[in-house]
Protein backbone atom coordinates (compact mmCIF):
# COMPACT_ATOMS: atom_id res chain seq x y z
CA UNK A 1 0.00 -0.01 0.01
CA UNK A 2 1.38 3.33 -1.00
CA UNK A 3 1.51 6.31 1.30
CA UNK A 4 0.49 9.84 0.49
CA UNK A 5 0.99 12.87 2.69
CA UNK A 6 -2.07 14.05 4.57
CA UNK A 7 -3.26 17.63 4.37
CA UNK A 8 -2.06 18.25 7.91
CA UNK A 9 1.52 17.18 7.01
CA UNK A 10 2.05 20.06 4.61
CA UNK A 11 0.20 23.35 4.58
CA UNK A 12 1.33 25.61 1.71
CA UNK A 13 0.24 28.75 3.51
CA UNK A 14 2.32 27.89 6.54
CA UNK A 15 5.45 27.38 4.43
CA UNK A 16 4.88 30.15 1.90
CA UNK A 17 7.68 32.29 3.33
CA UNK A 18 10.18 29.53 2.59
CA UNK A 19 9.38 29.46 -1.12
CA UNK A 20 8.50 33.08 -1.74
CA UNK A 21 11.27 34.99 -3.54
CA UNK A 22 12.99 37.63 -1.37
CA UNK A 23 11.52 41.09 -1.41
CA UNK A 24 13.01 43.47 -3.97
CA UNK A 25 15.37 46.23 -2.87
CA UNK A 26 14.67 49.64 -4.43
CA UNK A 27 17.81 51.13 -5.96
CA UNK A 28 18.26 54.73 -7.06
CA UNK A 29 21.34 55.60 -9.12
CA UNK A 30 22.47 59.21 -9.27
CA UNK A 31 22.54 60.75 -12.73
CA UNK A 32 26.32 61.42 -12.65
CA UNK A 33 27.44 57.91 -11.64
CA UNK A 34 27.67 56.52 -15.16
CA UNK A 35 29.52 59.54 -16.46
CA UNK A 36 32.00 59.39 -13.56
CA UNK A 37 32.76 55.74 -14.27
CA UNK A 38 33.37 56.37 -17.97
CA UNK A 39 35.74 59.28 -17.38
CA UNK A 40 38.02 57.61 -14.83
CA UNK A 41 40.32 54.66 -15.40
CA UNK A 42 40.46 53.89 -11.68
CA UNK A 43 37.08 53.28 -10.01
CA UNK A 44 36.88 54.58 -6.45
CA UNK A 45 33.70 54.16 -4.47
CA UNK A 46 32.60 54.85 -0.91
CA UNK A 47 30.07 52.80 1.07
CA UNK A 48 27.78 53.81 3.93
CA UNK A 49 25.37 51.85 6.07
CA UNK A 50 24.58 51.62 9.74
CA UNK A 51 25.10 48.53 11.91
CA UNK A 52 21.87 46.95 10.65
CA UNK A 53 22.66 47.51 6.94
CA UNK A 54 24.67 44.36 6.11
CA UNK A 55 27.13 46.49 4.16
CA UNK A 56 29.78 43.83 4.91
CA UNK A 57 27.92 41.54 2.50
CA UNK A 58 28.08 44.22 -0.20
CA UNK A 59 31.82 44.64 0.34
CA UNK A 60 32.28 40.84 0.12
CA UNK A 61 30.47 40.84 -3.22
CA UNK A 62 32.46 43.78 -4.60
CA UNK A 63 35.81 42.25 -3.61
CA UNK A 64 34.92 38.65 -4.48
CA UNK A 65 33.10 39.10 -7.80
CA UNK A 66 34.27 42.47 -9.15
CA UNK A 67 37.89 42.69 -8.00
CA UNK A 68 37.42 45.73 -5.77
CA UNK A 69 40.00 46.26 -3.04
CA UNK A 70 38.43 47.05 0.32
CA UNK A 71 39.88 49.85 2.46
CA UNK A 72 38.29 50.53 5.85
CA UNK A 73 38.97 53.31 8.28
CA UNK A 74 39.68 50.75 11.00
CA UNK A 75 42.46 49.23 8.88
CA UNK A 76 43.99 52.64 8.34
CA UNK A 77 43.86 53.62 12.00
CA UNK A 78 45.17 50.39 13.45
CA UNK A 79 47.96 50.07 10.90
CA UNK A 80 49.23 53.62 10.52
CA UNK A 81 48.25 55.63 13.60
CA UNK A 82 50.96 54.10 15.87
CA UNK A 83 53.70 55.40 13.58
CA UNK A 84 52.13 58.87 13.78
CA UNK A 85 51.97 58.85 17.58
CA UNK A 86 55.26 58.25 19.28
CA UNK A 87 55.03 56.20 22.45
CA UNK A 88 51.75 54.47 21.42
CA UNK A 89 51.70 50.68 21.43
CA UNK A 90 50.74 48.69 18.34
CA UNK A 91 48.07 46.56 20.03
CA UNK A 92 44.44 47.42 19.29
CA UNK A 93 43.74 48.14 22.96
CA UNK A 94 46.67 50.58 23.11
CA UNK A 95 45.41 52.51 20.09
CA UNK A 96 41.86 52.61 21.41
CA UNK A 97 43.10 53.90 24.74
CA UNK A 98 45.04 56.69 23.00
CA UNK A 99 41.91 57.68 21.06
CA UNK A 100 39.80 57.74 24.22
CA UNK A 101 42.35 59.95 25.94
CA UNK A 102 42.55 62.47 23.09
CA UNK A 103 39.71 62.57 20.55
CA UNK A 104 41.53 65.26 18.56
CA UNK A 105 44.45 63.12 17.37
CA UNK A 106 42.44 61.65 14.50
CA UNK A 107 41.31 63.88 11.62
CA UNK A 108 39.66 63.12 8.28
CA UNK A 109 42.41 64.78 6.22
CA UNK A 110 45.00 62.36 7.61
CA UNK A 111 42.72 59.34 7.09
CA UNK A 112 42.03 60.27 3.48
CA UNK A 113 45.73 60.98 2.91
CA UNK A 114 46.57 57.44 4.10
CA UNK A 115 43.83 55.99 1.89
CA UNK A 116 45.20 58.00 -1.05
CA UNK A 117 48.68 56.58 -0.43
CA UNK A 118 47.24 53.05 -0.32
CA UNK A 119 45.52 53.57 -3.68
CA UNK A 120 48.60 55.14 -5.27
CA UNK A 121 50.86 52.15 -4.58
CA UNK A 122 48.27 49.49 -5.44
CA UNK A 123 48.14 47.75 -8.81
CA UNK A 124 44.38 47.38 -8.53
CA UNK A 125 41.98 49.55 -10.52
CA UNK A 126 38.94 49.34 -8.24
CA UNK A 127 38.55 50.41 -4.61
CA UNK A 128 35.66 50.48 -2.17
CA UNK A 129 36.21 52.66 0.91
CA UNK A 130 34.38 52.23 4.20
CA UNK A 131 35.11 55.62 5.75
CA UNK A 132 32.75 55.75 8.77
CA UNK A 133 33.84 53.36 11.54
CA UNK A 134 31.75 51.09 13.72
CA UNK A 135 34.43 50.93 16.43
CA UNK A 136 33.29 53.34 19.12
CA UNK A 137 36.70 54.78 20.04
CA UNK A 138 37.28 55.82 16.40
CA UNK A 139 33.72 56.99 15.74
CA UNK A 140 33.91 59.41 18.68
CA UNK A 141 37.01 61.13 17.29
CA UNK A 142 36.61 64.84 16.73
CA UNK A 143 37.04 64.51 12.96
CA UNK A 144 33.79 62.52 12.64
CA UNK A 145 31.77 65.20 14.41
CA UNK A 146 32.24 67.78 11.66
CA UNK A 147 29.06 69.10 10.02
CA UNK A 148 30.67 69.08 6.59
CA UNK A 149 33.33 66.88 4.99
CA UNK A 150 33.26 68.62 1.61
CA UNK A 151 36.66 70.28 1.88
CA UNK A 152 38.42 67.03 2.84
CA UNK A 153 36.70 65.05 0.09
CA UNK A 154 37.44 67.73 -2.51
CA UNK A 155 41.08 67.64 -1.51
CA UNK A 156 41.08 63.85 -1.83
CA UNK A 157 39.50 64.09 -5.29
CA UNK A 158 42.37 66.23 -6.53
CA UNK A 159 44.31 62.95 -6.59
CA UNK A 160 41.62 60.30 -6.94
CA UNK A 161 38.22 61.01 -8.46
CA UNK A 162 35.34 59.28 -6.68
CA UNK A 163 32.96 57.63 -9.12
CA UNK A 164 30.11 56.75 -6.74
CA UNK A 165 29.01 56.17 -3.16
CA UNK A 166 26.66 53.42 -2.00
CA UNK A 167 24.25 54.26 0.83
CA UNK A 168 22.23 51.44 2.38
CA UNK A 169 19.22 52.85 4.20
CA UNK A 170 17.48 50.41 6.55
CA UNK A 171 13.77 51.11 6.50
CA UNK A 172 12.94 49.12 9.65
CA UNK A 173 16.25 49.62 11.40
CA UNK A 174 14.93 49.09 14.92
CA UNK A 175 13.32 45.80 13.89
CA UNK A 176 16.58 44.52 12.40
CA UNK A 177 18.42 45.78 15.48
CA UNK A 178 16.16 43.75 17.79
CA UNK A 179 16.44 40.73 15.52
CA UNK A 180 20.21 40.83 15.68
CA UNK A 181 20.21 41.50 19.39
CA UNK A 182 18.19 38.32 19.92
CA UNK A 183 20.52 36.38 17.63
CA UNK A 184 23.64 37.56 19.44
CA UNK A 185 25.06 34.83 21.64
CA UNK A 186 23.47 31.98 19.67
CA UNK A 187 25.20 29.82 17.08
CA UNK A 188 27.36 31.21 14.30
CA UNK A 189 24.62 30.96 11.64
CA UNK A 190 22.33 33.23 13.64
CA UNK A 191 25.09 35.81 13.94
CA UNK A 192 25.33 36.06 10.17
CA UNK A 193 22.02 37.94 10.18
CA UNK A 194 23.94 41.10 10.95
CA UNK A 195 27.69 40.82 11.51
CA UNK A 196 28.26 44.59 11.76
CA UNK A 197 25.80 44.91 14.65
CA UNK A 198 27.32 41.90 16.39
CA UNK A 199 30.70 43.61 16.28
CA UNK A 200 29.19 46.75 17.75
CA UNK A 201 27.38 44.83 20.49
CA UNK A 202 30.44 42.86 21.47
CA UNK A 203 32.35 46.10 21.98
CA UNK A 204 29.67 47.61 24.23
CA UNK A 205 30.04 47.42 27.99
CA UNK A 206 26.32 46.92 28.60
CA UNK A 207 24.23 45.47 25.81
CA UNK A 208 20.91 47.22 26.03
CA UNK A 209 18.60 48.74 23.51
CA UNK A 210 19.17 52.34 24.56
CA UNK A 211 22.92 52.07 24.16
CA UNK A 212 22.63 50.32 20.80
CA UNK A 213 20.21 52.93 19.49
CA UNK A 214 22.59 55.66 20.62
CA UNK A 215 25.45 54.06 18.74
CA UNK A 216 23.31 53.76 15.61
CA UNK A 217 22.42 57.45 15.89
CA UNK A 218 26.12 58.32 16.29
CA UNK A 219 26.93 56.41 13.11
CA UNK A 220 24.28 58.22 11.06
CA UNK A 221 25.35 61.59 12.43
CA UNK A 222 28.94 60.92 11.36
CA UNK A 223 27.92 59.50 7.95
CA UNK A 224 25.49 62.21 6.84
CA UNK A 225 28.12 64.89 5.94
CA UNK A 226 29.83 62.38 3.64
CA UNK A 227 26.58 61.19 2.10
CA UNK A 228 25.42 64.78 1.57
CA UNK A 229 28.55 65.49 -0.46
CA UNK A 230 27.75 62.70 -2.91
CA UNK A 231 24.05 63.43 -2.96
CA UNK A 232 24.67 67.03 -4.08
CA UNK A 233 26.87 65.85 -6.97
CA UNK A 234 24.39 63.10 -8.02
CA UNK A 235 26.89 60.31 -7.43
CA UNK A 236 24.88 58.44 -4.80
CA UNK A 237 23.60 54.87 -5.27
CA UNK A 238 20.82 54.46 -2.71
CA UNK A 239 19.47 51.09 -1.57
CA UNK A 240 16.47 50.76 0.77
CA UNK A 241 16.65 47.59 2.82
CA UNK A 242 13.87 45.89 4.78
CA UNK A 243 13.94 42.75 6.92
CA UNK A 244 12.25 40.74 4.19
CA UNK A 245 14.74 41.93 1.56
CA UNK A 246 17.98 41.00 3.38
CA UNK A 247 18.44 37.72 1.41
CA UNK A 248 18.29 39.73 -1.83
CA UNK A 249 21.09 42.17 -0.94
CA UNK A 250 23.96 40.39 -2.69
CA UNK A 251 21.97 39.74 -5.86
CA UNK A 252 20.82 43.36 -5.95
CA UNK A 253 24.40 44.55 -5.55
CA UNK A 254 25.55 42.33 -8.39
CA UNK A 255 22.74 43.45 -10.71
CA UNK A 256 23.45 47.11 -9.94
CA UNK A 257 27.16 46.78 -10.74
CA UNK A 258 26.41 44.93 -13.95
CA UNK A 259 23.94 47.64 -14.94
CA UNK A 260 26.68 50.21 -14.46
CA UNK A 261 28.96 48.37 -16.89
CA UNK A 262 31.13 46.33 -14.52
CA UNK A 263 31.94 42.75 -15.47
CA UNK A 264 32.22 39.85 -13.06
CA UNK A 265 35.79 38.65 -12.85
CA UNK A 266 36.61 35.35 -11.17
CA UNK A 267 39.09 36.31 -8.52
CA UNK A 268 41.24 33.20 -8.35
CA UNK A 269 44.58 34.93 -7.73
CA UNK A 270 45.01 34.01 -4.10
CA UNK A 271 47.55 35.51 -1.76
CA UNK A 272 49.94 32.64 -1.12
CA UNK A 273 52.19 32.71 1.94
CA UNK A 274 55.19 30.43 2.43
CA UNK A 275 56.84 29.52 5.72
CA UNK A 276 59.36 27.01 7.03
CA UNK A 277 57.64 26.87 10.43
CA UNK A 278 54.94 24.34 11.21
CA UNK A 279 53.02 26.52 13.61
CA UNK A 280 51.71 30.10 13.50
CA UNK A 281 49.25 30.16 16.37
CA UNK A 282 49.39 33.96 16.54
CA UNK A 283 47.68 34.35 13.16
CA UNK A 284 43.87 34.46 12.96
CA UNK A 285 43.48 32.06 10.04
CA UNK A 286 39.68 32.37 9.61
CA UNK A 287 39.88 36.18 9.53
CA UNK A 288 42.47 36.19 6.73
CA UNK A 289 40.79 33.22 5.00
CA UNK A 290 44.07 31.29 5.18
CA UNK A 291 44.16 27.54 4.57
CA UNK A 292 47.26 25.65 5.63
CA UNK A 293 48.95 23.40 3.05
CA UNK A 294 51.93 21.20 3.94
CA UNK A 295 54.04 20.80 0.80
CA UNK A 296 55.71 17.62 2.07
CA UNK A 297 52.34 15.87 2.25
CA UNK A 298 51.56 16.51 -1.40
CA UNK A 299 54.59 14.82 -2.99
CA UNK A 300 57.12 12.06 -2.37
CA UNK A 301 59.83 12.67 0.24
CA UNK A 302 62.44 12.44 -2.51
CA UNK A 303 60.70 15.02 -4.73
CA UNK A 304 62.72 18.05 -5.71
CA UNK A 305 61.58 21.64 -5.28
CA UNK A 306 60.03 21.76 -8.76
CA UNK A 307 57.86 18.73 -8.08
CA UNK A 308 56.85 20.02 -4.63
CA UNK A 309 55.69 23.44 -5.86
CA UNK A 310 53.95 21.87 -8.88
CA UNK A 311 52.03 19.68 -6.45
CA UNK A 312 51.18 22.73 -4.33
CA UNK A 313 49.85 24.55 -7.41
CA UNK A 314 47.68 21.60 -8.43
CA UNK A 315 46.29 21.29 -4.94
CA UNK A 316 45.38 24.97 -4.66
CA UNK A 317 43.85 24.97 -8.16
CA UNK A 318 41.62 22.02 -7.36
CA UNK A 319 40.76 22.69 -3.71
CA UNK A 320 40.75 26.48 -3.36
CA UNK A 321 37.65 28.63 -3.60
CA UNK A 322 37.91 31.97 -5.32
CA UNK A 323 38.31 33.87 -2.04
CA UNK A 324 40.69 31.49 -0.22
CA UNK A 325 44.26 32.37 0.67
CA UNK A 326 46.92 29.86 1.59
CA UNK A 327 49.80 29.37 3.99
CA UNK A 328 52.18 26.79 2.50
CA UNK A 329 54.53 25.04 4.93
CA UNK A 330 57.70 24.12 3.05
CA UNK A 331 60.21 21.70 4.63
CA UNK A 332 63.85 22.59 5.20
CA UNK A 333 65.67 22.77 1.89
CA UNK A 334 68.79 21.27 0.55
CA UNK A 335 70.41 23.41 -2.11
CA UNK A 336 68.63 22.17 -5.20
CA UNK A 337 69.39 23.23 -8.74
CA UNK A 338 66.02 23.89 -10.27
CA UNK A 339 65.51 25.16 -13.79
CA UNK A 340 62.48 26.89 -15.20
CA UNK A 341 61.61 26.91 -18.88
CA UNK A 342 62.46 30.58 -19.28
CA UNK A 343 64.32 33.19 -17.23
CA UNK A 344 62.19 35.53 -15.12
CA UNK A 345 62.70 38.83 -13.43
CA UNK A 346 61.40 38.74 -9.87
CA UNK A 347 61.05 41.95 -7.88
CA UNK A 348 61.27 41.16 -4.21
CA UNK A 349 60.26 43.74 -1.66
CA UNK A 350 61.49 43.25 1.86
CA UNK A 351 58.96 44.28 4.48
CA UNK A 352 59.89 44.60 8.09
CA UNK A 353 57.09 43.82 10.52
CA UNK A 354 53.95 44.50 8.52
CA UNK A 355 50.35 43.53 9.10
CA UNK A 356 48.97 40.87 6.78
CA UNK A 357 46.12 43.32 6.09
CA UNK A 358 48.50 45.24 3.84
CA UNK A 359 48.41 42.34 1.38
CA UNK A 360 45.30 40.30 2.14
CA UNK A 361 42.25 42.31 1.10
CA UNK A 362 39.62 39.58 0.76
CA UNK A 363 39.53 39.02 4.51
CA UNK A 364 36.44 38.92 6.67
CA UNK A 365 34.68 42.26 6.80
CA UNK A 366 32.25 41.53 9.61
CA UNK A 367 34.61 41.53 12.58
CA UNK A 368 38.17 42.38 13.61
CA UNK A 369 40.75 39.58 14.01
CA UNK A 370 41.36 38.00 17.41
CA UNK A 371 44.84 39.52 17.33
CA UNK A 372 46.76 41.71 14.89
CA UNK A 373 50.47 41.09 14.81
CA UNK A 374 53.31 42.35 12.65
CA UNK A 375 55.23 39.79 10.61
CA UNK A 376 58.54 40.21 8.76
CA UNK A 377 57.96 39.12 5.18
CA UNK A 378 59.48 39.26 1.73
CA UNK A 379 56.95 40.03 -0.99
CA UNK A 380 57.01 39.09 -4.65
CA UNK A 381 54.07 40.62 -6.50
CA UNK A 382 52.79 41.09 -10.00
CA UNK A 383 49.48 42.35 -11.33
CA UNK A 384 48.17 38.81 -11.15
CA UNK A 385 49.71 37.22 -8.09
CA UNK A 386 51.15 37.99 -4.66
CA UNK A 387 53.55 35.72 -2.78
CA UNK A 388 54.56 36.35 0.82
CA UNK A 389 57.56 34.62 2.36
CA UNK A 390 57.66 34.69 6.15
CA UNK A 391 61.09 35.35 7.58
CA UNK A 392 63.37 33.49 7.95
CA UNK A 393 63.08 32.20 4.38
CA UNK A 394 65.97 31.79 1.87
CA UNK A 395 65.54 34.54 -0.71
CA UNK A 396 66.98 32.49 -3.56
CA UNK A 397 64.40 29.77 -2.96
CA UNK A 398 61.64 32.40 -2.69
CA UNK A 399 62.41 33.63 -6.18
CA UNK A 400 62.60 30.09 -7.52
CA UNK A 401 59.32 29.09 -5.89
CA UNK A 402 57.46 32.10 -7.31
CA UNK A 403 58.84 31.33 -10.80
CA UNK A 404 57.85 27.68 -10.67
CA UNK A 405 54.33 28.48 -9.42
CA UNK A 406 53.69 31.16 -12.03
CA UNK A 407 55.03 28.90 -14.78
CA UNK A 408 52.60 26.17 -13.78
CA UNK A 409 49.78 28.68 -13.69
CA UNK A 410 50.54 30.05 -17.16
CA UNK A 411 50.72 26.55 -18.62
CA UNK A 412 47.29 25.72 -17.28
CA UNK A 413 45.60 28.87 -18.61
CA UNK A 414 44.02 28.75 -22.08
CA UNK A 415 45.87 30.72 -24.72
CA UNK A 416 44.14 33.06 -27.15
CA UNK A 417 43.89 31.59 -30.61
């Protein structure tokens, strides 16, 4: 006897929300956005959105699918402010303490100057800038209390023209705030509802609605002078988000960028780090999206360097997602004579004690790392690939490894007919 489901087992009305397509997100594109994109070879955009806006998801889409490089004000402050302030420690808590003690040490001109320097030395052509912080100690700086940011932005645009700014307005912000407050403290999937708000809530001393609402108001107060600048010049892309439309945010972002003439580019040029040490417990691997690969486990013990790196390339090509980065553990070397099919010129840049954030841009955007440490590295970069070699690492082998890896990559890529 066959079995059929009874009417009480499945009620379409009760499950309609599961099958209904996500609500649409209204998008308004300023009349000057298209013209700005056409007239500038380098595309620079700004992004705004309060803690309930899910702007981190938009940044993930821009960096993962459209090759934008993300630059946030938190990155700038935590990386560069210690060198500006003598006697300030490099730990996050030290920097935050300095900001709390003197809210006048941070100004918008300096932040934009650091961002400009980052753009100038980058080989990328697309940048998305998150200028208004969610970290309280930075947000309360005097520079973010200004009623107008026009002069600072105009000065920035003398070097780098801004093509557009994205503003995500949350229509039912308090509802999303409560939803995320209830999700906070549950499993990781529930926290994905709103990672920006979770970061803000974790940094609060007392998690209560009044304090959260105050922080949201502080964000909007700081953001409005920037948004007003782009609104007046018709370069604002406005999205209106509701609770029901959250699942549609990434698709809407993609459709908007395609409408503006951007093309999706598969970002499979990972940042690949090499080390001779088996353990790096001080690095927050999930934050930097680093997967560990042991080269000795991918080939025979007797394999030479060429065979080892070829095996590493094949493993990364077959196992890596487009937004993964890798830390390759290479065993101690004997001096091996390894030939490549053609001579190459490798430009190695020696970096003393840098943050990985300087090189790894497709990191998590929804929370800070557990720890930020400086690492001495040698960098070999091209427009298509970045290799980092953690000190101590033999420089001659670093150059050879980068040549072997790139040769394998070029051989695997289809050639134009």
